[in-house]
């Protein structure tokens, strides 16, 4: 559930950019739907998971996925420092999962 919530976070972030400040209807509507779905799924996952692990995974998936989506879909830079930083986020999320008490 956290994984799907994280994927929806990527969707809403990209749609937020494409909405151009909420001036475009369909990207704005998609942003609201994806954002609500992401939060609802995270809330449901928190019933059974520790908040530290679930929230870190959710934001990690969103941050890494949004950075990759920006590079692939929006022609943003893929400089080595940026890619190394994304890798560090991945390592951090994996570490939290490995050392989680749940």
PDB file of N, CA and C in Angstrom:
ATOM      1  N   UNK A   1       0.819  -1.188   0.000  1.00  0.00           N
ATOM      2  CA  UNK A   1       0.000   0.000   0.000  1.00  0.00           C
ATOM      3  C   UNK A   1       0.874   1.268   0.000  1.00  0.00           C
ATOM      4  N   UNK A   2       1.963   1.220   0.769  1.00  0.00           N
ATOM      5  CA  UNK A   2       2.875   2.367   0.800  1.00  0.00           C
ATOM      6  C   UNK A   2       3.500   2.581  -0.578  1.00  0.00           C
ATOM      7  N   UNK A   3       3.825   1.500  -1.268  1.00  0.00           N
ATOM      8  CA  UNK A   3       4.404   1.612  -2.605  1.00  0.00           C
ATOM      9  C   UNK A   3       3.471   2.299  -3.577  1.00  0.00           C
ATOM     10  N   UNK A   4       2.211   1.910  -3.564  1.00  0.00           N
ATOM     11  CA  UNK A   4       1.229   2.537  -4.456  1.00  0.00           C
ATOM     12  C   UNK A   4       1.026   3.995  -4.063  1.00  0.00           C
ATOM     13  N   UNK A   5       0.973   4.266  -2.757  1.00  0.00           N
ATOM     14  CA  UNK A   5       0.847   5.650  -2.290  1.00  0.00           C
ATOM     15  C   UNK A   5       2.030   6.487  -2.768  1.00  0.00           C
ATOM     16  N   UNK A   6       3.233   5.902  -2.727  1.00  0.00           N
ATOM     17  CA  UNK A   6       4.420   6.607  -3.215  1.00  0.00           C
ATOM     18  C   UNK A   6       4.374   6.867  -4.705  1.00  0.00           C
ATOM     19  N   UNK A   7       3.879   5.886  -5.455  1.00  0.00           N
ATOM     20  CA  UNK A   7       3.738   6.079  -6.904  1.00  0.00           C
ATOM     21  C   UNK A   7       2.737   7.189  -7.209  1.00  0.00           C
ATOM     22  N   UNK A   8       1.656   7.238  -6.436  1.00  0.00           N
ATOM     23  CA  UNK A   8       0.680   8.320  -6.623  1.00  0.00           C
ATOM     24  C   UNK A   8       1.283   9.679  -6.258  1.00  0.00           C
ATOM     25  N   UNK A   9       2.228   9.680  -5.327  1.00  0.00           N
ATOM     26  CA  UNK A   9       2.910  10.933  -4.999  1.00  0.00           C
ATOM     27  C   UNK A   9       3.704  11.446  -6.200  1.00  0.00           C
ATOM     28  N   UNK A  10       4.324  10.535  -6.927  1.00  0.00           N
ATOM     29  CA  UNK A  10       5.044  10.920  -8.147  1.00  0.00           C
ATOM     30  C   UNK A  10       4.066  11.513  -9.154  1.00  0.00           C
ATOM     31  N   UNK A  11       2.935  10.853  -9.316  1.00  0.00           N
ATOM     32  CA  UNK A  11       1.914  11.318 -10.268  1.00  0.00           C
ATOM     33  C   UNK A  11       1.451  12.719  -9.905  1.00  0.00           C
ATOM     34  N   UNK A  12       1.115  12.925  -8.611  1.00  0.00           N
ATOM     35  CA  UNK A  12       0.597  14.257  -8.274  1.00  0.00           C
ATOM     36  C   UNK A  12       1.658  15.331  -8.421  1.00  0.00           C
ATOM     37  N   UNK A  13       2.918  15.001  -8.150  1.00  0.00           N
ATOM     38  CA  UNK A  13       3.976  16.005  -8.306  1.00  0.00           C
ATOM     39  C   UNK A  13       4.145  16.411  -9.770  1.00  0.00           C
ATOM     40  N   UNK A  14       4.144  15.432 -10.659  1.00  0.00           N
ATOM     41  CA  UNK A  14       4.284  15.734 -12.093  1.00  0.00           C
ATOM     42  C   UNK A  14       3.061  16.509 -12.585  1.00  0.00           C
ATOM     43  N   UNK A  15       1.872  16.096 -12.150  1.00  0.00           N
ATOM     44  CA  UNK A  15       0.661  16.806 -12.566  1.00  0.00           C
ATOM     45  C   UNK A  15       0.616  18.222 -12.004  1.00  0.00           C
ATOM     46  N   UNK A  16       1.164  18.411 -10.815  1.00  0.00           N
ATOM     47  CA  UNK A  16       1.218  19.760 -10.254  1.00  0.00           C
ATOM     48  C   UNK A  16       2.049  20.669 -11.155  1.00  0.00           C
ATOM     49  N   UNK A  17       3.167  20.157 -11.631  1.00  0.00           N
ATOM     50  CA  UNK A  17       3.999  20.925 -12.573  1.00  0.00           C
ATOM     51  C   UNK A  17       3.229  21.204 -13.863  1.00  0.00           C
ATOM     52  N   UNK A  18       2.554  20.162 -14.378  1.00  0.00           N
ATOM     53  CA  UNK A  18       1.835  20.311 -15.644  1.00  0.00           C
ATOM     54  C   UNK A  18       0.591  21.187 -15.528  1.00  0.00           C
ATOM     55  N   UNK A  19       0.087  21.371 -14.301  1.00  0.00           N
ATOM     56  CA  UNK A  19      -1.105  22.210 -14.122  1.00  0.00           C
ATOM     57  C   UNK A  19      -0.794  23.683 -14.312  1.00  0.00           C
ATOM     58  N   UNK A  20       0.506  24.025 -14.321  1.00  0.00           N
ATOM     59  CA  UNK A  20       0.947  25.418 -14.484  1.00  0.00           C
ATOM     60  C   UNK A  20       0.219  26.358 -13.527  1.00  0.00           C
ATOM     61  N   UNK A  21       0.394  26.049 -12.227  1.00  0.00           N
ATOM     62  CA  UNK A  21      -0.220  26.898 -11.201  1.00  0.00           C
ATOM     63  C   UNK A  21      -1.727  26.759 -11.155  1.00  0.00           C
ATOM     64  N   UNK A  22      -2.222  25.589 -11.433  1.00  0.00           N
ATOM     65  CA  UNK A  22      -3.659  25.265 -11.468  1.00  0.00           C
ATOM     66  C   UNK A  22      -4.404  26.032 -12.557  1.00  0.00           C
ATOM     67  N   UNK A  23      -3.695  26.411 -13.608  1.00  0.00           N
ATOM     68  CA  UNK A  23      -4.351  27.118 -14.710  1.00  0.00           C
ATOM     69  C   UNK A  23      -4.862  26.152 -15.786  1.00  0.00           C
ATOM     70  N   UNK A  24      -4.470  24.882 -15.705  1.00  0.00           N
ATOM     71  CA  UNK A  24      -4.952  23.869 -16.651  1.00  0.00           C
ATOM     72  C   UNK A  24      -5.842  22.889 -15.894  1.00  0.00           C
ATOM     73  N   UNK A  25      -7.053  22.692 -16.394  1.00  0.00           N
ATOM     74  CA  UNK A  25      -8.069  21.932 -15.663  1.00  0.00           C
ATOM     75  C   UNK A  25      -7.679  20.479 -15.404  1.00  0.00           C
ATOM     76  N   UNK A  26      -7.387  19.714 -16.440  1.00  0.00           N
ATOM     77  CA  UNK A  26      -7.220  18.271 -16.252  1.00  0.00           C
ATOM     78  C   UNK A  26      -5.985  17.890 -15.452  1.00  0.00           C
ATOM     79  N   UNK A  27      -4.858  18.533 -15.660  1.00  0.00           N
ATOM     80  CA  UNK A  27      -3.746  18.233 -14.749  1.00  0.00           C
ATOM     81  C   UNK A  27      -4.067  18.617 -13.293  1.00  0.00           C
ATOM     82  N   UNK A  28      -4.841  19.689 -13.106  1.00  0.00           N
ATOM     83  CA  UNK A  28      -5.233  20.105 -11.756  1.00  0.00           C
ATOM     84  C   UNK A  28      -6.155  19.082 -11.112  1.00  0.00           C
ATOM     85  N   UNK A  29      -7.109  18.579 -11.874  1.00  0.00           N
ATOM     86  CA  UNK A  29      -8.021  17.549 -11.362  1.00  0.00           C
ATOM     87  C   UNK A  29      -7.238  16.278 -11.048  1.00  0.00           C
ATOM     88  N   UNK A  30      -6.350  15.894 -11.938  1.00  0.00           N
ATOM     89  CA  UNK A  30      -5.528  14.705 -11.713  1.00  0.00           C
ATOM     90  C   UNK A  30      -4.657  14.848 -10.474  1.00  0.00           C
ATOM     91  N   UNK A  31      -4.129  16.047 -10.260  1.00  0.00           N
ATOM     92  CA  UNK A  31      -3.334  16.322  -9.063  1.00  0.00           C
ATOM     93  C   UNK A  31      -4.144  16.065  -7.801  1.00  0.00           C
ATOM     94  N   UNK A  32      -5.363  16.588  -7.757  1.00  0.00           N
ATOM     95  CA  UNK A  32      -6.217  16.424  -6.571  1.00  0.00           C
ATOM     96  C   UNK A  32      -6.542  14.954  -6.342  1.00  0.00           C
ATOM     97  N   UNK A  33      -6.896  14.239  -7.399  1.00  0.00           N
ATOM     98  CA  UNK A  33      -7.256  12.818  -7.276  1.00  0.00           C
ATOM     99  C   UNK A  33      -6.041  11.997  -6.828  1.00  0.00           C
ATOM    100  N   UNK A  34      -4.908  12.188  -7.474  1.00  0.00           N
ATOM    101  CA  UNK A  34      -3.705  11.430  -7.115  1.00  0.00           C
ATOM    102  C   UNK A  34      -3.234  11.785  -5.707  1.00  0.00           C
ATOM    103  N   UNK A  35      -3.294  13.057  -5.358  1.00  0.00           N
ATOM    104  CA  UNK A  35      -2.881  13.487  -4.023  1.00  0.00           C
ATOM    105  C   UNK A  35      -3.758  12.888  -2.939  1.00  0.00           C
ATOM    106  N   UNK A  36      -5.064  12.930  -3.160  1.00  0.00           N
ATOM    107  CA  UNK A  36      -5.983  12.344  -2.183  1.00  0.00           C
ATOM    108  C   UNK A  36      -5.766  10.836  -2.070  1.00  0.00           C
ATOM    109  N   UNK A  37      -5.609  10.175  -3.197  1.00  0.00           N
ATOM    110  CA  UNK A  37      -5.373   8.731  -3.177  1.00  0.00           C
ATOM    111  C   UNK A  37      -4.095   8.384  -2.452  1.00  0.00           C
ATOM    112  N   UNK A  38      -3.062   9.160  -2.657  1.00  0.00           N
ATOM    113  CA  UNK A  38      -1.782   8.924  -2.006  1.00  0.00           C
ATOM    114  C   UNK A  38      -1.905   9.040  -0.492  1.00  0.00           C
ATOM    115  N   UNK A  39      -2.547  10.083  -0.034  1.00  0.00           N
ATOM    116  CA  UNK A  39      -2.707  10.311   1.406  1.00  0.00           C
ATOM    117  C   UNK A  39      -3.592   9.241   2.031  1.00  0.00           C
ATOM    118  N   UNK A  40      -4.672   8.888   1.364  1.00  0.00           N
ATOM    119  CA  UNK A  40      -5.572   7.859   1.898  1.00  0.00           C
ATOM    120  C   UNK A  40      -4.848   6.528   2.022  1.00  0.00           C
ATOM    121  N   UNK A  41      -4.109   6.135   1.001  1.00  0.00           N
ATOM    122  CA  UNK A  41      -3.379   4.867   1.070  1.00  0.00           C
ATOM    123  C   UNK A  41      -2.307   4.898   2.155  1.00  0.00           C
ATOM    124  N   UNK A  42      -1.623   6.021   2.306  1.00  0.00           N
ATOM    125  CA  UNK A  42      -0.645   6.129   3.378  1.00  0.00           C
ATOM    126  C   UNK A  42      -1.332   6.001   4.737  1.00  0.00           C
ATOM    127  N   UNK A  43      -2.453   6.662   4.907  1.00  0.00           N
ATOM    128  CA  UNK A  43      -3.177   6.580   6.176  1.00  0.00           C
ATOM    129  C   UNK A  43      -3.600   5.145   6.480  1.00  0.00           C
ATOM    130  N   UNK A  44      -4.057   4.430   5.473  1.00  0.00           N
ATOM    131  CA  UNK A  44      -4.452   3.035   5.677  1.00  0.00           C
ATOM    132  C   UNK A  44      -3.242   2.169   6.039  1.00  0.00           C
ATOM    133  N   UNK A  45      -2.118   2.414   5.390  1.00  0.00           N
ATOM    134  CA  UNK A  45      -0.906   1.648   5.684  1.00  0.00           C
ATOM    135  C   UNK A  45      -0.427   1.905   7.109  1.00  0.00           C
ATOM    136  N   UNK A  46      -0.640   3.114   7.608  1.00  0.00           N
ATOM    137  CA  UNK A  46      -0.190   3.458   8.952  1.00  0.00           C
ATOM    138  C   UNK A  46      -0.958   2.725  10.043  1.00  0.00           C
ATOM    139  N   UNK A  47      -2.041   2.087   9.690  1.00  0.00           N
ATOM    140  CA  UNK A  47      -2.741   1.251  10.672  1.00  0.00           C
ATOM    141  C   UNK A  47      -1.836   0.123  11.165  1.00  0.00           C
ATOM    142  N   UNK A  48      -0.999  -0.403  10.263  1.00  0.00           N
ATOM    143  CA  UNK A  48      -0.195  -1.582  10.577  1.00  0.00           C
ATOM    144  C   UNK A  48       1.315  -1.336  10.589  1.00  0.00           C
ATOM    145  N   UNK A  49       1.759  -0.206  10.100  1.00  0.00           N
ATOM    146  CA  UNK A  49       3.200   0.048   9.985  1.00  0.00           C
ATOM    147  C   UNK A  49       3.621   1.191  10.899  1.00  0.00           C
ATOM    148  N   UNK A  50       4.870   1.162  11.359  1.00  0.00           N
ATOM    149  CA  UNK A  50       5.367   2.302  12.133  1.00  0.00           C
ATOM    150  C   UNK A  50       5.461   3.541  11.241  1.00  0.00           C
ATOM    151  N   UNK A  51       5.120   4.674  11.796  1.00  0.00           N
ATOM    152  CA  UNK A  51       5.098   5.907  11.008  1.00  0.00           C
ATOM    153  C   UNK A  51       6.485   6.244  10.470  1.00  0.00           C
ATOM    154  N   UNK A  52       7.534   5.978  11.244  1.00  0.00           N
ATOM    155  CA  UNK A  52       8.878   6.327  10.780  1.00  0.00           C
ATOM    156  C   UNK A  52       9.237   5.601   9.495  1.00  0.00           C
ATOM    157  N   UNK A  53       8.935   4.333   9.420  1.00  0.00           N
ATOM    158  CA  UNK A  53       9.260   3.545   8.237  1.00  0.00           C
ATOM    159  C   UNK A  53       8.331   3.866   7.073  1.00  0.00           C
ATOM    160  N   UNK A  54       7.036   3.899   7.342  1.00  0.00           N
ATOM    161  CA  UNK A  54       6.058   4.119   6.270  1.00  0.00           C
ATOM    162  C   UNK A  54       6.217   5.501   5.646  1.00  0.00           C
ATOM    163  N   UNK A  55       6.358   6.519   6.481  1.00  0.00           N
ATOM    164  CA  UNK A  55       6.473   7.877   5.956  1.00  0.00           C
ATOM    165  C   UNK A  55       7.775   8.053   5.180  1.00  0.00           C
ATOM    166  N   UNK A  56       8.856   7.493   5.707  1.00  0.00           N
ATOM    167  CA  UNK A  56      10.136   7.587   5.010  1.00  0.00           C
ATOM    168  C   UNK A  56      10.080   6.882   3.660  1.00  0.00           C
ATOM    169  N   UNK A  57       9.459   5.714   3.613  1.00  0.00           N
ATOM    170  CA  UNK A  57       9.332   5.003   2.341  1.00  0.00           C
ATOM    171  C   UNK A  57       8.466   5.797   1.373  1.00  0.00           C
ATOM    172  N   UNK A  58       7.365   6.328   1.857  1.00  0.00           N
ATOM    173  CA  UNK A  58       6.434   7.104   1.019  1.00  0.00           C
ATOM    174  C   UNK A  58       7.126   8.329   0.426  1.00  0.00           C
ATOM    175  N   UNK A  59       7.801   9.089   1.286  1.00  0.00           N
ATOM    176  CA  UNK A  59       8.474  10.281   0.775  1.00  0.00           C
ATOM    177  C   UNK A  59       9.682   9.909  -0.085  1.00  0.00           C
ATOM    178  N   UNK A  60      10.353   8.817   0.267  1.00  0.00           N
ATOM    179  CA  UNK A  60      11.497   8.369  -0.537  1.00  0.00           C
ATOM    180  C   UNK A  60      11.088   7.962  -1.933  1.00  0.00           C
ATOM    181  N   UNK A  61      10.025   7.160  -2.012  1.00  0.00           N
ATOM    182  CA  UNK A  61       9.512   6.754  -3.326  1.00  0.00           C
ATOM    183  C   UNK A  61       9.106   7.991  -4.115  1.00  0.00           C
ATOM    184  N   UNK A  62       8.413   8.904  -3.447  1.00  0.00           N
ATOM    185  CA  UNK A  62       7.982  10.130  -4.123  1.00  0.00           C
ATOM    186  C   UNK A  62       9.136  10.992  -4.578  1.00  0.00           C
ATOM    187  N   UNK A  63      10.127  11.172  -3.711  1.00  0.00           N
ATOM    188  CA  UNK A  63      11.266  12.028  -4.056  1.00  0.00           C
ATOM    189  C   UNK A  63      12.104  11.428  -5.176  1.00  0.00           C
ATOM    190  N   UNK A  64      12.443  10.154  -5.040  1.00  0.00           N
ATOM    191  CA  UNK A  64      13.258   9.499  -6.065  1.00  0.00           C
ATOM    192  C   UNK A  64      12.486   9.401  -7.376  1.00  0.00           C
ATOM    193  N   UNK A  65      11.250   8.961  -7.284  1.00  0.00           N
ATOM    194  CA  UNK A  65      10.435   8.816  -8.494  1.00  0.00           C
ATOM    195  C   UNK A  65      10.192  10.133  -9.199  1.00  0.00           C
ATOM    196  N   UNK A  66       9.967  11.189  -8.416  1.00  0.00           N
ATOM    197  CA  UNK A  66       9.736  12.505  -9.015  1.00  0.00           C
ATOM    198  C   UNK A  66      11.012  13.030  -9.660  1.00  0.00           C
ATOM    199  N   UNK A  67      12.151  12.803  -9.031  1.00  0.00           N
ATOM    200  CA  UNK A  67      13.425  13.215  -9.640  1.00  0.00           C
ATOM    201  C   UNK A  67      13.645  12.478 -10.958  1.00  0.00           C
ATOM    202  N   UNK A  68      13.386  11.182 -10.970  1.00  0.00           N
ATOM    203  CA  UNK A  68      13.545  10.401 -12.209  1.00  0.00           C
ATOM    204  C   UNK A  68      12.528  10.838 -13.256  1.00  0.00           C
ATOM    205  N   UNK A  69      11.291  11.058 -12.842  1.00  0.00           N
ATOM    206  CA  UNK A  69      10.263  11.518 -13.785  1.00  0.00           C
ATOM    207  C   UNK A  69      10.637  12.876 -14.362  1.00  0.00           C
ATOM    208  N   UNK A  70      11.197  13.742 -13.534  1.00  0.00           N
ATOM    209  CA  UNK A  70      11.639  15.045 -14.030  1.00  0.00           C
ATOM    210  C   UNK A  70      12.705  14.913 -15.099  1.00  0.00           C
ATOM    211  N   UNK A  71      13.627  13.983 -14.874  1.00  0.00           N
ATOM    212  CA  UNK A  71      14.698  13.761 -15.849  1.00  0.00           C
ATOM    213  C   UNK A  71      14.144  13.154 -17.127  1.00  0.00           C
ATOM    214  N   UNK A  72      13.324  12.121 -16.987  1.00  0.00           N
ATOM    215  CA  UNK A  72      12.835  11.365 -18.145  1.00  0.00           C
ATOM    216  C   UNK A  72      11.722  12.093 -18.890  1.00  0.00           C
ATOM    217  N   UNK A  73      10.755  12.629 -18.154  1.00  0.00           N
ATOM    218  CA  UNK A  73       9.561  13.205 -18.794  1.00  0.00           C
ATOM    219  C   UNK A  73       9.649  14.713 -19.033  1.00  0.00           C
ATOM    220  N   UNK A  74      10.380  15.414 -18.173  1.00  0.00           N
ATOM    221  CA  UNK A  74      10.360  16.868 -18.225  1.00  0.00           C
ATOM    222  C   UNK A  74      11.701  17.465 -18.654  1.00  0.00           C
ATOM    223  N   UNK A  75      12.616  16.610 -19.108  1.00  0.00           N
ATOM    224  CA  UNK A  75      13.902  17.048 -19.641  1.00  0.00           C
ATOM    225  C   UNK A  75      14.712  17.863 -18.629  1.00  0.00           C
ATOM    226  N   UNK A  76      14.647  17.470 -17.355  1.00  0.00           N
ATOM    227  CA  UNK A  76      15.440  18.121 -16.333  1.00  0.00           C
ATOM    228  C   UNK A  76      16.847  17.524 -16.336  1.00  0.00           C
ATOM    229  N   UNK A  77      17.776  18.208 -15.706  1.00  0.00           N
ATOM    230  CA  UNK A  77      19.171  17.772 -15.727  1.00  0.00           C
ATOM    231  C   UNK A  77      19.351  16.449 -14.986  1.00  0.00           C
ATOM    232  N   UNK A  78      20.360  15.699 -15.433  1.00  0.00           N
ATOM    233  CA  UNK A  78      20.726  14.429 -14.795  1.00  0.00           C
ATOM    234  C   UNK A  78      22.201  14.490 -14.417  1.00  0.00           C
ATOM    235  N   UNK A  79      22.604  15.552 -13.769  1.00  0.00           N
ATOM    236  CA  UNK A  79      24.008  15.723 -13.392  1.00  0.00           C
ATOM    237  C   UNK A  79      24.409  14.694 -12.346  1.00  0.00           C
ATOM    238  N   UNK A  80      25.679  14.338 -12.323  1.00  0.00           N
ATOM    239  CA  UNK A  80      26.141  13.293 -11.406  1.00  0.00           C
ATOM    240  C   UNK A  80      25.803  13.553  -9.933  1.00  0.00           C
ATOM    241  N   UNK A  81      25.923  14.771  -9.493  1.00  0.00           N
ATOM    242  CA  UNK A  81      25.597  15.086  -8.101  1.00  0.00           C
ATOM    243  C   UNK A  81      24.139  14.834  -7.778  1.00  0.00           C
ATOM    244  N   UNK A  82      23.287  15.158  -8.716  1.00  0.00           N
ATOM    245  CA  UNK A  82      21.852  14.924  -8.535  1.00  0.00           C
ATOM    246  C   UNK A  82      21.570  13.428  -8.460  1.00  0.00           C
ATOM    247  N   UNK A  83      22.165  12.662  -9.360  1.00  0.00           N
ATOM    248  CA  UNK A  83      21.955  11.217  -9.364  1.00  0.00           C
ATOM    249  C   UNK A  83      22.526  10.576  -8.102  1.00  0.00           C
ATOM    250  N   UNK A  84      23.650  11.052  -7.629  1.00  0.00           N
ATOM    251  CA  UNK A  84      24.235  10.535  -6.389  1.00  0.00           C
ATOM    252  C   UNK A  84      23.328  10.838  -5.204  1.00  0.00           C
ATOM    253  N   UNK A  85      22.740  12.004  -5.194  1.00  0.00           N
ATOM    254  CA  UNK A  85      21.813  12.366  -4.119  1.00  0.00           C
ATOM    255  C   UNK A  85      20.575  11.491  -4.129  1.00  0.00           C
ATOM    256  N   UNK A  86      20.062  11.202  -5.302  1.00  0.00           N
ATOM    257  CA  UNK A  86      18.925  10.290  -5.420  1.00  0.00           C
ATOM    258  C   UNK A  86      19.306   8.913  -4.891  1.00  0.00           C
ATOM    259  N   UNK A  87      20.505   8.456  -5.204  1.00  0.00           N
ATOM    260  CA  UNK A  87      20.971   7.157  -4.706  1.00  0.00           C
ATOM    261  C   UNK A  87      21.050   7.149  -3.184  1.00  0.00           C
ATOM    262  N   UNK A  88      21.469   8.248  -2.597  1.00  0.00           N
ATOM    263  CA  UNK A  88      21.530   8.331  -1.136  1.00  0.00           C
ATOM    264  C   UNK A  88      20.151   8.230  -0.499  1.00  0.00           C
ATOM    265  N   UNK A  89      19.148   8.815  -1.133  1.00  0.00           N
ATOM    266  CA  UNK A  89      17.782   8.691  -0.625  1.00  0.00           C
ATOM    267  C   UNK A  89      17.349   7.223  -0.653  1.00  0.00           C
ATOM    268  N   UNK A  90      17.655   6.545  -1.750  1.00  0.00           N
ATOM    269  CA  UNK A  90      17.309   5.124  -1.865  1.00  0.00           C
ATOM    270  C   UNK A  90      17.986   4.317  -0.756  1.00  0.00           C
ATOM    271  N   UNK A  91      19.262   4.561  -0.528  1.00  0.00           N
ATOM    272  CA  UNK A  91      19.995   3.851   0.521  1.00  0.00           C
ATOM    273  C   UNK A  91      19.370   4.132   1.888  1.00  0.00           C
ATOM    274  N   UNK A  92      18.988   5.366   2.134  1.00  0.00           N
ATOM    275  CA  UNK A  92      18.363   5.729   3.402  1.00  0.00           C
ATOM    276  C   UNK A  92      17.043   5.014   3.630  1.00  0.00           C
ATOM    277  N   UNK A  93      16.224   4.951   2.616  1.00  0.00           N
ATOM    278  CA  UNK A  93      14.928   4.276   2.744  1.00  0.00           C
ATOM    279  C   UNK A  93      15.133   2.778   2.962  1.00  0.00           C
ATOM    280  N   UNK A  94      16.062   2.193   2.242  1.00  0.00           N
ATOM    281  CA  UNK A  94      16.357   0.766   2.435  1.00  0.00           C
ATOM    282  C   UNK A  94      16.864   0.531   3.860  1.00  0.00           C
ATOM    283  N   UNK A  95      17.729   1.403   4.335  1.00  0.00           N
ATOM    284  CA  UNK A  95      18.240   1.270   5.699  1.00  0.00           C
ATOM    285  C   UNK A  95      17.140   1.347   6.734  1.00  0.00           C
ATOM    286  N   UNK A  96      16.217   2.270   6.563  1.00  0.00           N
ATOM    287  CA  UNK A  96      15.097   2.360   7.502  1.00  0.00           C
ATOM    288  C   UNK A  96      14.250   1.094   7.480  1.00  0.00           C
ATOM    289  N   UNK A  97      14.082   0.530   6.312  1.00  0.00           N
ATOM    290  CA  UNK A  97      13.299  -0.699   6.205  1.00  0.00           C
ATOM    291  C   UNK A  97      14.027  -1.863   6.884  1.00  0.00           C
ATOM    292  N   UNK A  98      15.304  -1.967   6.649  1.00  0.00           N
ATOM    293  CA  UNK A  98      16.091  -3.059   7.237  1.00  0.00           C
ATOM    294  C   UNK A  98      16.097  -2.960   8.757  1.00  0.00           C
ATOM    295  N   UNK A  99      16.246  -1.761   9.282  1.00  0.00           N
ATOM    296  CA  UNK A  99      16.385  -1.585  10.719  1.00  0.00           C
ATOM    297  C   UNK A  99      15.075  -1.230  11.423  1.00  0.00           C
ATOM    298  N   UNK A 100      13.959  -1.390  10.713  1.00  0.00           N
ATOM    299  CA  UNK A 100      12.649  -1.100  11.295  1.00  0.00           C
ATOM    300  C   UNK A 100      12.297  -2.160  12.336  1.00  0.00           C
ATOM    301  N   UNK A 101      11.582  -1.721  13.354  1.00  0.00           N
ATOM    302  CA  UNK A 101      11.172  -2.640  14.399  1.00  0.00           C
ATOM    303  C   UNK A 101       9.941  -3.454  14.023  1.00  0.00           C
ATOM    304  N   UNK A 102       9.391  -3.226  12.865  1.00  0.00           N
ATOM    305  CA  UNK A 102       8.167  -3.936  12.442  1.00  0.00           C
ATOM    306  C   UNK A 102       8.440  -4.841  11.290  1.00  0.00           C
TER     307      UNK A 102
END
